[in-house]
C-alpha atoms as a PDB file:
ATOM      1  CA  MET A   1     240.089  98.354  57.419  1.00  0.00           C
ATOM      2  CA  ALA A   2     237.320  97.816  59.789  1.00  0.00           C
ATOM      3  CA  LEU A   3     235.704  94.952  61.777  1.00  0.00           C
ATOM      4  CA  ILE A   4     232.268  93.791  61.028  1.00  0.00           C
ATOM      5  CA  THR A   5     230.203  91.018  62.683  1.00  0.00           C
ATOM      6  CA  CYS A   6     229.372  87.893  60.639  1.00  0.00           C
ATOM      7  CA  THR A   7     225.558  87.583  60.141  1.00  0.00           C
ATOM      8  CA  GLU A   8     225.846  83.820  60.685  1.00  0.00           C
ATOM      9  CA  CYS A   9     228.155  83.021  63.510  1.00  0.00           C
ATOM     10  CA  ARG A  10     228.142  86.686  65.002  1.00  0.00           C
ATOM     11  CA  LYS A  11     232.069  86.734  65.221  1.00  0.00           C
ATOM     12  CA  GLU A  12     234.123  89.680  64.203  1.00  0.00           C
ATOM     13  CA  LEU A  13     235.971  89.732  60.745  1.00  0.00           C
ATOM     14  CA  SER A  14     237.461  92.078  58.405  1.00  0.00           C
ATOM     15  CA  ASP A  15     235.355  94.072  56.187  1.00  0.00           C
ATOM     16  CA  GLN A  16     237.811  93.109  53.297  1.00  0.00           C
ATOM     17  CA  ALA A  17     237.037  89.375  53.689  1.00  0.00           C
ATOM     18  CA  ALA A  18     234.949  87.791  51.077  1.00  0.00           C
ATOM     19  CA  THR A  19     233.678  85.005  53.522  1.00  0.00           C
ATOM     20  CA  CYS A  20     233.960  84.596  57.357  1.00  0.00           C
ATOM     21  CA  PRO A  21     237.115  82.751  58.252  1.00  0.00           C
ATOM     22  CA  HIS A  22     235.182  81.082  61.098  1.00  0.00           C
ATOM     23  CA  CYS A  23     232.110  79.658  59.393  1.00  0.00           C
ATOM     24  CA  GLY A  24     232.659  80.403  55.741  1.00  0.00           C
ATOM     25  CA  ALA A  25     229.497  82.520  55.438  1.00  0.00           C
ATOM     26  CA  PRO A  26     229.831  85.114  52.543  1.00  0.00           C
ATOM     27  CA  THR A  27     230.167  88.725  53.831  1.00  0.00           C
ATOM     28  CA  ASN A  28     228.259  90.461  51.133  1.00  0.00           C
ATOM     29  CA  VAL A  29     230.110  93.617  51.979  1.00  0.00           C
ATOM     30  CA  ARG A  30     231.254  95.660  48.936  1.00  0.00           C
ATOM     31  CA  PRO A  31     234.395  97.773  49.311  1.00  0.00           C
ATOM     32  CA  GLN A  32     233.749 101.449  49.445  1.00  0.00           C
ATOM     33  CA  THR A  33     235.378 103.616  46.705  1.00  0.00           C
ATOM     34  CA  ILE A  34     237.196 106.630  48.255  1.00  0.00           C
ATOM     35  CA  GLU A  35     237.477 109.728  46.015  1.00  0.00           C
ATOM     36  CA  LYS A  36     240.935 110.784  45.993  1.00  0.00           C
ATOM     37  CA  THR A  37     240.364 114.114  44.076  1.00  0.00           C
ATOM     38  CA  SER A  38     241.763 116.940  46.175  1.00  0.00           C
ATOM     39  CA  LYS A  39     239.664 119.868  47.282  1.00  0.00           C
ATOM     40  CA  LYS A  40     242.180 122.243  45.336  1.00  0.00           C
ATOM     41  CA  TYR A  41     240.916 120.708  41.994  1.00  0.00           C
ATOM     42  CA  LYS A  42     237.244 120.952  43.089  1.00  0.00           C
ATOM     43  CA  GLY A  43     237.708 124.650  44.042  1.00  0.00           C
ATOM     44  CA  GLU A  44     239.338 125.276  40.718  1.00  0.00           C
ATOM     45  CA  GLN A  45     236.490 123.684  38.863  1.00  0.00           C
ATOM     46  CA  LEU A  46     234.048 125.789  40.743  1.00  0.00           C
ATOM     47  CA  ILE A  47     235.893 129.018  39.879  1.00  0.00           C
ATOM     48  CA  ALA A  48     236.156 128.085  36.239  1.00  0.00           C
ATOM     49  CA  LEU A  49     232.428 127.436  36.116  1.00  0.00           C
ATOM     50  CA  LEU A  50     231.769 130.721  37.807  1.00  0.00           C
ATOM     51  CA  VAL A  51     233.894 132.428  35.091  1.00  0.00           C
ATOM     52  CA  VAL A  52     231.950 130.666  32.382  1.00  0.00           C
ATOM     53  CA  GLY A  53     228.737 131.544  34.086  1.00  0.00           C
ATOM     54  CA  VAL A  54     229.653 135.200  34.504  1.00  0.00           C
ATOM     55  CA  SER A  55     230.844 135.459  30.804  1.00  0.00           C
ATOM     56  CA  LEU A  56     227.564 133.998  29.523  1.00  0.00           C
ATOM     57  CA  MET A  57     225.568 136.409  31.544  1.00  0.00           C
ATOM     58  CA  GLY A  58     227.799 139.165  30.234  1.00  0.00           C
ATOM     59  CA  LEU A  59     227.314 138.003  26.682  1.00  0.00           C
ATOM     60  CA  VAL A  60     223.476 137.934  27.114  1.00  0.00           C
ATOM     61  CA  GLY A  61     223.534 141.451  28.657  1.00  0.00           C
ATOM     62  CA  THR A  62     225.640 142.869  25.659  1.00  0.00           C
ATOM     63  CA  CYS A  63     224.084 140.965  22.800  1.00  0.00           C
ATOM     64  CA  ASP A  64     222.324 144.086  21.636  1.00  0.00           C
ATOM     65  CA  GLU A  65     225.228 146.285  22.032  1.00  0.00           C
ATOM     66  CA  GLY A  66     227.890 144.400  20.245  1.00  0.00           C
ATOM     67  CA  GLY A  67     231.491 145.961  20.021  1.00  0.00           C
ATOM     68  CA  HIS A  68     234.214 145.714  22.760  1.00  0.00           C
ATOM     69  CA  GLY A  69     231.965 144.422  25.495  1.00  0.00           C
ATOM     70  CA  GLN A  70     231.193 141.242  23.630  1.00  0.00           C
ATOM     71  CA  THR A  71     234.715 140.654  22.669  1.00  0.00           C
ATOM     72  CA  VAL A  72     235.818 140.830  26.393  1.00  0.00           C
ATOM     73  CA  PHE A  73     233.014 138.391  27.403  1.00  0.00           C
ATOM     74  CA  MET A  74     233.752 135.948  24.595  1.00  0.00           C
ATOM     75  CA  ALA A  75     237.502 135.929  25.750  1.00  0.00           C
ATOM     76  CA  LEU A  76     236.431 135.342  29.282  1.00  0.00           C
ATOM     77  CA  LEU A  77     234.233 132.585  28.118  1.00  0.00           C
ATOM     78  CA  ALA A  78     237.084 131.009  26.138  1.00  0.00           C
ATOM     79  CA  VAL A  79     239.463 131.291  29.177  1.00  0.00           C
ATOM     80  CA  GLY A  80     236.791 129.736  31.513  1.00  0.00           C
ATOM     81  CA  LEU A  81     236.056 126.778  29.321  1.00  0.00           C
ATOM     82  CA  ILE A  82     239.857 126.035  28.676  1.00  0.00           C
ATOM     83  CA  TRP A  83     240.507 126.317  32.311  1.00  0.00           C
ATOM     84  CA  TYR A  84     237.616 123.973  33.190  1.00  0.00           C
ATOM     85  CA  VAL A  85     238.723 121.392  30.683  1.00  0.00           C
ATOM     86  CA  THR A  86     242.233 121.636  31.923  1.00  0.00           C
ATOM     87  CA  VAL A  87     241.216 121.046  35.576  1.00  0.00           C
ATOM     88  CA  ARG A  88     238.984 118.129  34.491  1.00  0.00           C
ATOM     89  CA  ALA A  89     241.832 116.498  32.710  1.00  0.00           C
ATOM     90  CA  LEU A  90     243.975 117.112  35.863  1.00  0.00           C
ATOM     91  CA  VAL A  91     241.314 115.533  38.078  1.00  0.00           C
ATOM     92  CA  TRP A  92     241.250 112.540  35.754  1.00  0.00           C
ATOM     93  CA  TRP A  93     245.016 112.228  35.629  1.00  0.00           C
ATOM     94  CA  HIS A  94     245.455 112.606  39.482  1.00  0.00           C
ATOM     95  CA  HIS A  95     242.370 110.314  40.498  1.00  0.00           C
ATOM     96  CA  GLY A  96     243.390 107.196  42.288  1.00  0.00           C
END
């Protein structure tokens, strides 16, 4: 909570007030939305996306070869996507 100055009477009032308690003028201040998502989840999302990116690059690099290399990258892609979706669900669950 912070103090702001009324545009009409120039007195201080709370930024949470809809109108000035001194003169009744509207404050026109919209409350700020503070993101409560922790850095842990943001870091995990980034790592999951990196895993997905690396696995896609590996799949493109091994598309002509086939065999064991493609299987490894497909598994890595699946793990990365599942990880990313899980972390997104956790972000949604724990968000404010």
